[in-house]
Amino acid sequence: MPVLQNDGVDSISSQKTSRRYDHVATDEYPNGEYRFSRPFIPKESMAQNRSVAWAMVQYGGNHPKEKKPNAAITLNKSCLGNYECPHDGCPFTERPRVPTGTKKKYSLPPPSRNQCITHGCPLVHVPCKALMNIREVDGMVYFHHKGVHNHARTHELRATREGREAFNKTVDENPEATPKQLVNGSEKRAPVTTHHVTYLHLGKTQKERQKRLQETAASRVTDTL
């Protein structure tokens, strides 16, 4: 496939960054002035409890070494934008990776690793000025989002909380099902990809299945003590 010349990419890039996206705000993809909260679930990771689907970098906050009763943990994050094909209408994107080293407000992500599979051209970075403050206190996590994401939605790394709960229920009811069988589904069982698109990744499904089986096995042992 032909590769665009640099001046062509720069020209299309300027059009890409000026495009308007009207994203509807949700808890997974907050947009504009948006607030929401959810319970902190100890069995989930810190990232699962304190993250949304946008690619963001933490640049500040307050995390006391010794957490006192009612002491709040705060995190400040800025959006990393997105890597997108510069051709108008092309949906190919790459999720930005978190930069290494000292992280500052509006830090830029590392360079893209991919080219567009359709046009064979380098992906362009679409910057973003959206910010989010996260506050964890008394078993709740409070999110306050500001700014508009003028770029395509980034690929999700994790299933939603509802998706994870539905996945766990499927594994609980079908502990003998292999990861591939979970992904494909059956006449009596919907594929786990209906719970969330991230379960299309067989390796992720295998890891999450094993984790759930270990949790339920440990729970049964505790119940017998």
C-alpha atoms as a PDB file:
ATOM      1  CA  MET A   1       0.000   0.000   0.000  1.00  0.00           C
ATOM      2  CA  PRO A   2       1.290   3.498  -0.738  1.00  0.00           C
ATOM      3  CA  VAL A   3       2.518   5.498   2.242  1.00  0.00           C
ATOM      4  CA  LEU A   4       1.633   9.168   2.412  1.00  0.00           C
ATOM      5  CA  GLN A   5       4.437  11.689   2.321  1.00  0.00           C
ATOM      6  CA  ASN A   6       5.081  13.631   5.516  1.00  0.00           C
ATOM      7  CA  ASP A   7       3.651  16.853   4.156  1.00  0.00           C
ATOM      8  CA  GLY A   8       0.493  14.996   3.201  1.00  0.00           C
ATOM      9  CA  VAL A   9       0.134  13.567   6.695  1.00  0.00           C
ATOM     10  CA  ASP A  10       0.705  16.964   8.306  1.00  0.00           C
ATOM     11  CA  SER A  11      -1.911  18.499   6.057  1.00  0.00           C
ATOM     12  CA  ILE A  12      -4.516  15.858   6.863  1.00  0.00           C
ATOM     13  CA  SER A  13      -3.523  15.934  10.532  1.00  0.00           C
ATOM     14  CA  SER A  14      -4.561  19.563  10.873  1.00  0.00           C
ATOM     15  CA  GLN A  15      -8.002  18.635   9.541  1.00  0.00           C
ATOM     16  CA  LYS A  16      -8.176  15.668  11.923  1.00  0.00           C
ATOM     17  CA  THR A  17      -7.501  17.722  15.034  1.00  0.00           C
ATOM     18  CA  SER A  18     -10.194  20.254  14.100  1.00  0.00           C
ATOM     19  CA  ARG A  19     -12.925  17.635  13.672  1.00  0.00           C
ATOM     20  CA  ARG A  20     -15.809  17.733  16.112  1.00  0.00           C
ATOM     21  CA  TYR A  21     -16.873  14.717  18.139  1.00  0.00           C
ATOM     22  CA  ASP A  22     -20.137  14.788  20.045  1.00  0.00           C
ATOM     23  CA  HIS A  23     -19.547  12.014  22.574  1.00  0.00           C
ATOM     24  CA  VAL A  24     -22.437  11.290  24.912  1.00  0.00           C
ATOM     25  CA  ALA A  25     -21.094  11.321  28.470  1.00  0.00           C
ATOM     26  CA  THR A  26     -21.178   7.989  30.323  1.00  0.00           C
ATOM     27  CA  ASP A  27     -19.411   6.683  33.417  1.00  0.00           C
ATOM     28  CA  GLU A  28     -16.969   4.769  31.203  1.00  0.00           C
ATOM     29  CA  TYR A  29     -16.460   7.661  28.761  1.00  0.00           C
ATOM     30  CA  PRO A  30     -17.139  10.874  30.721  1.00  0.00           C
ATOM     31  CA  ASN A  31     -17.240  14.024  28.605  1.00  0.00           C
ATOM     32  CA  GLY A  32     -17.647  17.695  29.389  1.00  0.00           C
ATOM     33  CA  GLU A  33     -18.583  18.712  32.927  1.00  0.00           C
ATOM     34  CA  TYR A  34     -19.552  15.333  34.353  1.00  0.00           C
ATOM     35  CA  ARG A  35     -19.645  13.898  37.872  1.00  0.00           C
ATOM     36  CA  PHE A  36     -20.367  10.374  39.048  1.00  0.00           C
ATOM     37  CA  SER A  37     -19.437   8.004  41.853  1.00  0.00           C
ATOM     38  CA  ARG A  38     -19.218   4.281  42.485  1.00  0.00           C
ATOM     39  CA  PRO A  39     -18.360   2.029  45.446  1.00  0.00           C
ATOM     40  CA  PHE A  40     -14.737   0.987  45.950  1.00  0.00           C
ATOM     41  CA  ILE A  41     -14.603  -2.803  45.604  1.00  0.00           C
ATOM     42  CA  PRO A  42     -11.588  -4.261  47.494  1.00  0.00           C
ATOM     43  CA  LYS A  43     -11.369  -7.413  45.354  1.00  0.00           C
ATOM     44  CA  GLU A  44     -10.837  -5.298  42.232  1.00  0.00           C
ATOM     45  CA  SER A  45      -7.527  -3.668  41.375  1.00  0.00           C
ATOM     46  CA  MET A  46      -6.756  -0.025  42.073  1.00  0.00           C
ATOM     47  CA  ALA A  47      -6.824   0.635  38.323  1.00  0.00           C
ATOM     48  CA  GLN A  48     -10.273  -0.924  37.980  1.00  0.00           C
ATOM     49  CA  ASN A  49     -11.633   1.149  40.850  1.00  0.00           C
ATOM     50  CA  ARG A  50     -10.074   4.457  39.836  1.00  0.00           C
ATOM     51  CA  SER A  51     -10.065   4.464  36.026  1.00  0.00           C
ATOM     52  CA  VAL A  52     -12.345   5.163  33.092  1.00  0.00           C
ATOM     53  CA  ALA A  53     -12.051   4.044  29.469  1.00  0.00           C
ATOM     54  CA  TRP A  54     -10.184   7.109  28.164  1.00  0.00           C
ATOM     55  CA  ALA A  55      -6.384   6.866  28.022  1.00  0.00           C
ATOM     56  CA  MET A  56      -5.241   9.159  30.823  1.00  0.00           C
ATOM     57  CA  VAL A  57      -2.061   9.850  32.789  1.00  0.00           C
ATOM     58  CA  GLN A  58      -1.869  10.681  36.478  1.00  0.00           C
ATOM     59  CA  TYR A  59       0.145  13.855  37.045  1.00  0.00           C
ATOM     60  CA  GLY A  60      -0.640  14.690  40.649  1.00  0.00           C
ATOM     61  CA  GLY A  61      -2.735  14.060  43.708  1.00  0.00           C
ATOM     62  CA  ASN A  62      -2.516  13.095  47.347  1.00  0.00           C
ATOM     63  CA  HIS A  63      -1.899   9.517  48.484  1.00  0.00           C
ATOM     64  CA  PRO A  64      -1.040   9.340  52.209  1.00  0.00           C
ATOM     65  CA  LYS A  65       1.387   6.537  53.086  1.00  0.00           C
ATOM     66  CA  GLU A  66      -0.619   5.685  56.178  1.00  0.00           C
ATOM     67  CA  LYS A  67      -4.303   5.972  55.428  1.00  0.00           C
ATOM     68  CA  LYS A  68      -6.180   7.349  58.416  1.00  0.00           C
ATOM     69  CA  PRO A  69      -9.929   6.910  58.975  1.00  0.00           C
ATOM     70  CA  ASN A  70     -11.896   9.226  56.679  1.00  0.00           C
ATOM     71  CA  ALA A  71      -8.685  10.363  54.947  1.00  0.00           C
ATOM     72  CA  ALA A  72      -9.225  10.979  51.244  1.00  0.00           C
ATOM     73  CA  ILE A  73      -6.989   9.816  48.396  1.00  0.00           C
ATOM     74  CA  THR A  74      -7.022  12.171  45.417  1.00  0.00           C
ATOM     75  CA  LEU A  75      -5.731  11.650  41.879  1.00  0.00           C
ATOM     76  CA  ASN A  76      -5.417  14.228  39.106  1.00  0.00           C
ATOM     77  CA  LYS A  77      -5.361  12.944  35.541  1.00  0.00           C
ATOM     78  CA  SER A  78      -5.139  14.439  32.061  1.00  0.00           C
ATOM     79  CA  CYS A  79      -6.171  12.824  28.799  1.00  0.00           C
ATOM     80  CA  LEU A  80      -3.496  11.429  26.476  1.00  0.00           C
ATOM     81  CA  GLY A  81      -5.657  11.977  23.395  1.00  0.00           C
ATOM     82  CA  ASN A  82      -5.600   9.310  20.717  1.00  0.00           C
ATOM     83  CA  TYR A  83      -3.654   8.046  17.704  1.00  0.00           C
ATOM     84  CA  GLU A  84      -5.833   8.047  14.583  1.00  0.00           C
ATOM     85  CA  CYS A  85      -5.591   7.504  10.841  1.00  0.00           C
ATOM     86  CA  PRO A  86      -5.397  10.955   9.233  1.00  0.00           C
ATOM     87  CA  HIS A  87      -7.829   9.975   6.453  1.00  0.00           C
ATOM     88  CA  ASP A  88     -11.286  11.351   7.065  1.00  0.00           C
ATOM     89  CA  GLY A  89     -13.783   8.633   7.949  1.00  0.00           C
ATOM     90  CA  CYS A  90     -11.182   5.926   8.638  1.00  0.00           C
ATOM     91  CA  PRO A  91     -11.917   4.248  12.004  1.00  0.00           C
ATOM     92  CA  PHE A  92      -8.426   2.831  12.599  1.00  0.00           C
ATOM     93  CA  THR A  93      -6.968   4.055  15.898  1.00  0.00           C
ATOM     94  CA  GLU A  94      -4.334   3.115  18.453  1.00  0.00           C
ATOM     95  CA  ARG A  95      -4.689   3.659  22.187  1.00  0.00           C
ATOM     96  CA  PRO A  96      -1.901   5.885  23.527  1.00  0.00           C
ATOM     97  CA  ARG A  97       0.439   4.306  26.055  1.00  0.00           C
ATOM     98  CA  VAL A  98       1.241   5.982  29.364  1.00  0.00           C
ATOM     99  CA  PRO A  99       4.529   7.923  29.141  1.00  0.00           C
ATOM    100  CA  THR A 100       7.476   6.877  31.287  1.00  0.00           C
ATOM    101  CA  GLY A 101       9.502   9.088  33.603  1.00  0.00           C
ATOM    102  CA  THR A 102       8.148  12.197  35.293  1.00  0.00           C
ATOM    103  CA  LYS A 103       4.520  12.699  34.393  1.00  0.00           C
ATOM    104  CA  LYS A 104       3.169  16.214  34.018  1.00  0.00           C
ATOM    105  CA  LYS A 105      -0.190  17.717  33.178  1.00  0.00           C
ATOM    106  CA  TYR A 106      -0.868  17.148  29.461  1.00  0.00           C
ATOM    107  CA  SER A 107       2.128  14.823  29.116  1.00  0.00           C
ATOM    108  CA  LEU A 108       2.419  13.400  25.614  1.00  0.00           C
ATOM    109  CA  PRO A 109       2.312   9.635  25.026  1.00  0.00           C
ATOM    110  CA  PRO A 110       5.138   7.647  23.415  1.00  0.00           C
ATOM    111  CA  PRO A 111       5.101   7.553  19.592  1.00  0.00           C
ATOM    112  CA  SER A 112       2.600   5.333  17.822  1.00  0.00           C
ATOM    113  CA  ARG A 113       3.725   1.785  17.050  1.00  0.00           C
ATOM    114  CA  ASN A 114       1.408   1.196  14.113  1.00  0.00           C
ATOM    115  CA  GLN A 115       0.399   2.308  10.659  1.00  0.00           C
ATOM    116  CA  CYS A 116      -3.153   2.316   9.393  1.00  0.00           C
ATOM    117  CA  ILE A 117      -3.950  -1.165   8.103  1.00  0.00           C
ATOM    118  CA  THR A 118      -6.163   0.326   5.389  1.00  0.00           C
ATOM    119  CA  HIS A 119      -4.104   3.270   4.113  1.00  0.00           C
ATOM    120  CA  GLY A 120      -0.590   2.226   5.152  1.00  0.00           C
ATOM    121  CA  CYS A 121       0.140   5.681   6.556  1.00  0.00           C
ATOM    122  CA  PRO A 122       1.493   6.754   9.960  1.00  0.00           C
ATOM    123  CA  LEU A 123      -1.061   7.513  12.634  1.00  0.00           C
ATOM    124  CA  VAL A 124      -1.280  11.086  13.880  1.00  0.00           C
ATOM    125  CA  HIS A 125      -1.609  12.098  17.498  1.00  0.00           C
ATOM    126  CA  VAL A 126      -4.768  14.014  18.384  1.00  0.00           C
ATOM    127  CA  PRO A 127      -4.077  15.872  21.653  1.00  0.00           C
ATOM    128  CA  CYS A 128      -6.725  16.483  24.286  1.00  0.00           C
ATOM    129  CA  LYS A 129      -7.108  18.938  27.179  1.00  0.00           C
ATOM    130  CA  ALA A 130      -9.716  17.008  29.181  1.00  0.00           C
ATOM    131  CA  LEU A 131      -9.007  16.600  32.895  1.00  0.00           C
ATOM    132  CA  MET A 132     -10.353  14.419  35.678  1.00  0.00           C
ATOM    133  CA  ASN A 133     -10.124  14.564  39.454  1.00  0.00           C
ATOM    134  CA  ILE A 134     -10.690  11.317  41.364  1.00  0.00           C
ATOM    135  CA  ARG A 135     -11.363  11.270  45.087  1.00  0.00           C
ATOM    136  CA  GLU A 136     -11.579   8.098  47.163  1.00  0.00           C
ATOM    137  CA  VAL A 137     -13.027   8.352  50.662  1.00  0.00           C
ATOM    138  CA  ASP A 138     -15.232   6.256  52.968  1.00  0.00           C
ATOM    139  CA  GLY A 139     -15.474   3.340  50.554  1.00  0.00           C
ATOM    140  CA  MET A 140     -16.616   5.474  47.621  1.00  0.00           C
ATOM    141  CA  VAL A 141     -14.790   6.805  44.556  1.00  0.00           C
ATOM    142  CA  TYR A 142     -15.911  10.205  43.246  1.00  0.00           C
ATOM    143  CA  PHE A 143     -15.085  11.308  39.694  1.00  0.00           C
ATOM    144  CA  HIS A 144     -15.172  14.904  38.452  1.00  0.00           C
ATOM    145  CA  HIS A 145     -14.476  15.273  34.732  1.00  0.00           C
ATOM    146  CA  LYS A 146     -13.893  18.519  32.842  1.00  0.00           C
ATOM    147  CA  GLY A 147     -13.242  19.242  29.174  1.00  0.00           C
ATOM    148  CA  VAL A 148     -14.375  17.843  25.835  1.00  0.00           C
ATOM    149  CA  HIS A 149     -12.694  14.906  24.086  1.00  0.00           C
ATOM    150  CA  ASN A 150     -12.254  16.064  20.494  1.00  0.00           C
ATOM    151  CA  HIS A 151     -11.014  12.680  19.290  1.00  0.00           C
ATOM    152  CA  ALA A 152     -12.351   9.178  18.714  1.00  0.00           C
ATOM    153  CA  ARG A 153     -13.025   6.923  21.669  1.00  0.00           C
ATOM    154  CA  THR A 154      -9.936   5.006  22.754  1.00  0.00           C
ATOM    155  CA  HIS A 155     -10.031   1.229  22.860  1.00  0.00           C
ATOM    156  CA  GLU A 156     -11.002  -0.083  26.285  1.00  0.00           C
ATOM    157  CA  LEU A 157      -8.453  -2.077  28.279  1.00  0.00           C
ATOM    158  CA  ARG A 158     -10.882  -3.398  30.864  1.00  0.00           C
ATOM    159  CA  ALA A 159     -14.444  -4.591  30.939  1.00  0.00           C
ATOM    160  CA  THR A 160     -17.001  -2.454  32.728  1.00  0.00           C
ATOM    161  CA  ARG A 161     -17.985  -3.394  36.256  1.00  0.00           C
ATOM    162  CA  GLU A 162     -21.293  -4.725  34.924  1.00  0.00           C
ATOM    163  CA  GLY A 163     -19.427  -6.699  32.271  1.00  0.00           C
ATOM    164  CA  ARG A 164     -17.112  -8.263  34.836  1.00  0.00           C
ATOM    165  CA  GLU A 165     -20.044  -9.236  37.052  1.00  0.00           C
ATOM    166  CA  ALA A 166     -21.822 -10.876  34.099  1.00  0.00           C
ATOM    167  CA  PHE A 167     -18.597 -12.676  33.103  1.00  0.00           C
ATOM    168  CA  ASN A 168     -18.104 -14.007  36.646  1.00  0.00           C
ATOM    169  CA  LYS A 169     -21.683 -15.245  36.718  1.00  0.00           C
ATOM    170  CA  THR A 170     -21.139 -17.120  33.445  1.00  0.00           C
ATOM    171  CA  VAL A 171     -17.970 -18.755  34.798  1.00  0.00           C
ATOM    172  CA  ASP A 172     -19.695 -19.651  38.070  1.00  0.00           C
ATOM    173  CA  GLU A 173     -22.494 -21.371  36.181  1.00  0.00           C
ATOM    174  CA  ASN A 174     -20.129 -23.050  33.677  1.00  0.00           C
ATOM    175  CA  PRO A 175     -16.837 -23.808  35.475  1.00  0.00           C
ATOM    176  CA  GLU A 176     -16.037 -26.601  33.014  1.00  0.00           C
ATOM    177  CA  ALA A 177     -16.177 -24.319  29.972  1.00  0.00           C
ATOM    178  CA  THR A 178     -12.789 -23.555  28.404  1.00  0.00           C
ATOM    179  CA  PRO A 179     -11.824 -19.980  27.476  1.00  0.00           C
ATOM    180  CA  LYS A 180     -12.535 -20.696  23.802  1.00  0.00           C
ATOM    181  CA  GLN A 181     -15.935 -22.172  24.653  1.00  0.00           C
ATOM    182  CA  LEU A 182     -16.730 -19.102  26.752  1.00  0.00           C
ATOM    183  CA  VAL A 183     -15.861 -16.814  23.843  1.00  0.00           C
ATOM    184  CA  ASN A 184     -17.806 -18.842  21.278  1.00  0.00           C
ATOM    185  CA  GLY A 185     -20.835 -19.529  23.473  1.00  0.00           C
ATOM    186  CA  SER A 186     -23.324 -22.347  22.868  1.00  0.00           C
ATOM    187  CA  GLU A 187     -27.010 -22.946  22.251  1.00  0.00           C
ATOM    188  CA  LYS A 188     -27.707 -22.520  25.959  1.00  0.00           C
ATOM    189  CA  ARG A 189     -24.991 -20.015  26.838  1.00  0.00           C
ATOM    190  CA  ALA A 190     -24.382 -16.590  25.304  1.00  0.00           C
ATOM    191  CA  PRO A 191     -20.747 -15.828  24.416  1.00  0.00           C
ATOM    192  CA  VAL A 192     -18.945 -13.744  27.023  1.00  0.00           C
ATOM    193  CA  THR A 193     -18.253 -11.182  24.308  1.00  0.00           C
ATOM    194  CA  THR A 194     -21.848 -10.050  24.823  1.00  0.00           C
ATOM    195  CA  HIS A 195     -20.809  -8.963  28.326  1.00  0.00           C
ATOM    196  CA  HIS A 196     -18.003  -6.784  26.971  1.00  0.00           C
ATOM    197  CA  VAL A 197     -15.949  -6.497  23.782  1.00  0.00           C
ATOM    198  CA  THR A 198     -12.629  -6.964  25.636  1.00  0.00           C
ATOM    199  CA  TYR A 199     -13.485 -10.648  26.096  1.00  0.00           C
ATOM    200  CA  LEU A 200     -12.806 -11.137  22.389  1.00  0.00           C
ATOM    201  CA  HIS A 201      -9.175 -11.430  23.503  1.00  0.00           C
ATOM    202  CA  LEU A 202      -8.757 -15.136  24.289  1.00  0.00           C
ATOM    203  CA  GLY A 203      -5.763 -14.512  26.537  1.00  0.00           C
ATOM    204  CA  LYS A 204      -7.717 -12.028  28.648  1.00  0.00           C
ATOM    205  CA  THR A 205     -10.667 -14.427  28.886  1.00  0.00           C
ATOM    206  CA  GLN A 206      -8.331 -17.213  30.000  1.00  0.00           C
ATOM    207  CA  LYS A 207      -6.746 -15.010  32.661  1.00  0.00           C
ATOM    208  CA  GLU A 208     -10.062 -13.707  33.988  1.00  0.00           C
ATOM    209  CA  ARG A 209     -11.569 -17.220  34.019  1.00  0.00           C
ATOM    210  CA  GLN A 210      -8.651 -18.600  36.030  1.00  0.00           C
ATOM    211  CA  LYS A 211      -8.860 -15.693  38.449  1.00  0.00           C
ATOM    212  CA  ARG A 212     -12.578 -16.284  39.011  1.00  0.00           C
ATOM    213  CA  LEU A 213     -12.158 -20.031  39.527  1.00  0.00           C
ATOM    214  CA  GLN A 214      -9.457 -19.379  42.111  1.00  0.00           C
ATOM    215  CA  GLU A 215     -11.698 -16.878  43.915  1.00  0.00           C
ATOM    216  CA  THR A 216     -14.605 -19.297  44.117  1.00  0.00           C
ATOM    217  CA  ALA A 217     -12.324 -22.162  45.215  1.00  0.00           C
ATOM    218  CA  ALA A 218     -10.870 -20.005  47.998  1.00  0.00           C
ATOM    219  CA  SER A 219     -14.369 -18.980  49.039  1.00  0.00           C
ATOM    220  CA  ARG A 220     -15.465 -22.606  49.325  1.00  0.00           C
ATOM    221  CA  VAL A 221     -12.441 -23.423  51.506  1.00  0.00           C
ATOM    222  CA  THR A 222     -13.229 -20.489  53.792  1.00  0.00           C
ATOM    223  CA  ASP A 223     -16.835 -21.614  54.116  1.00  0.00           C
ATOM    224  CA  THR A 224     -15.769 -25.072  55.307  1.00  0.00           C
ATOM    225  CA  LEU A 225     -13.483 -23.743  58.048  1.00  0.00           C
END
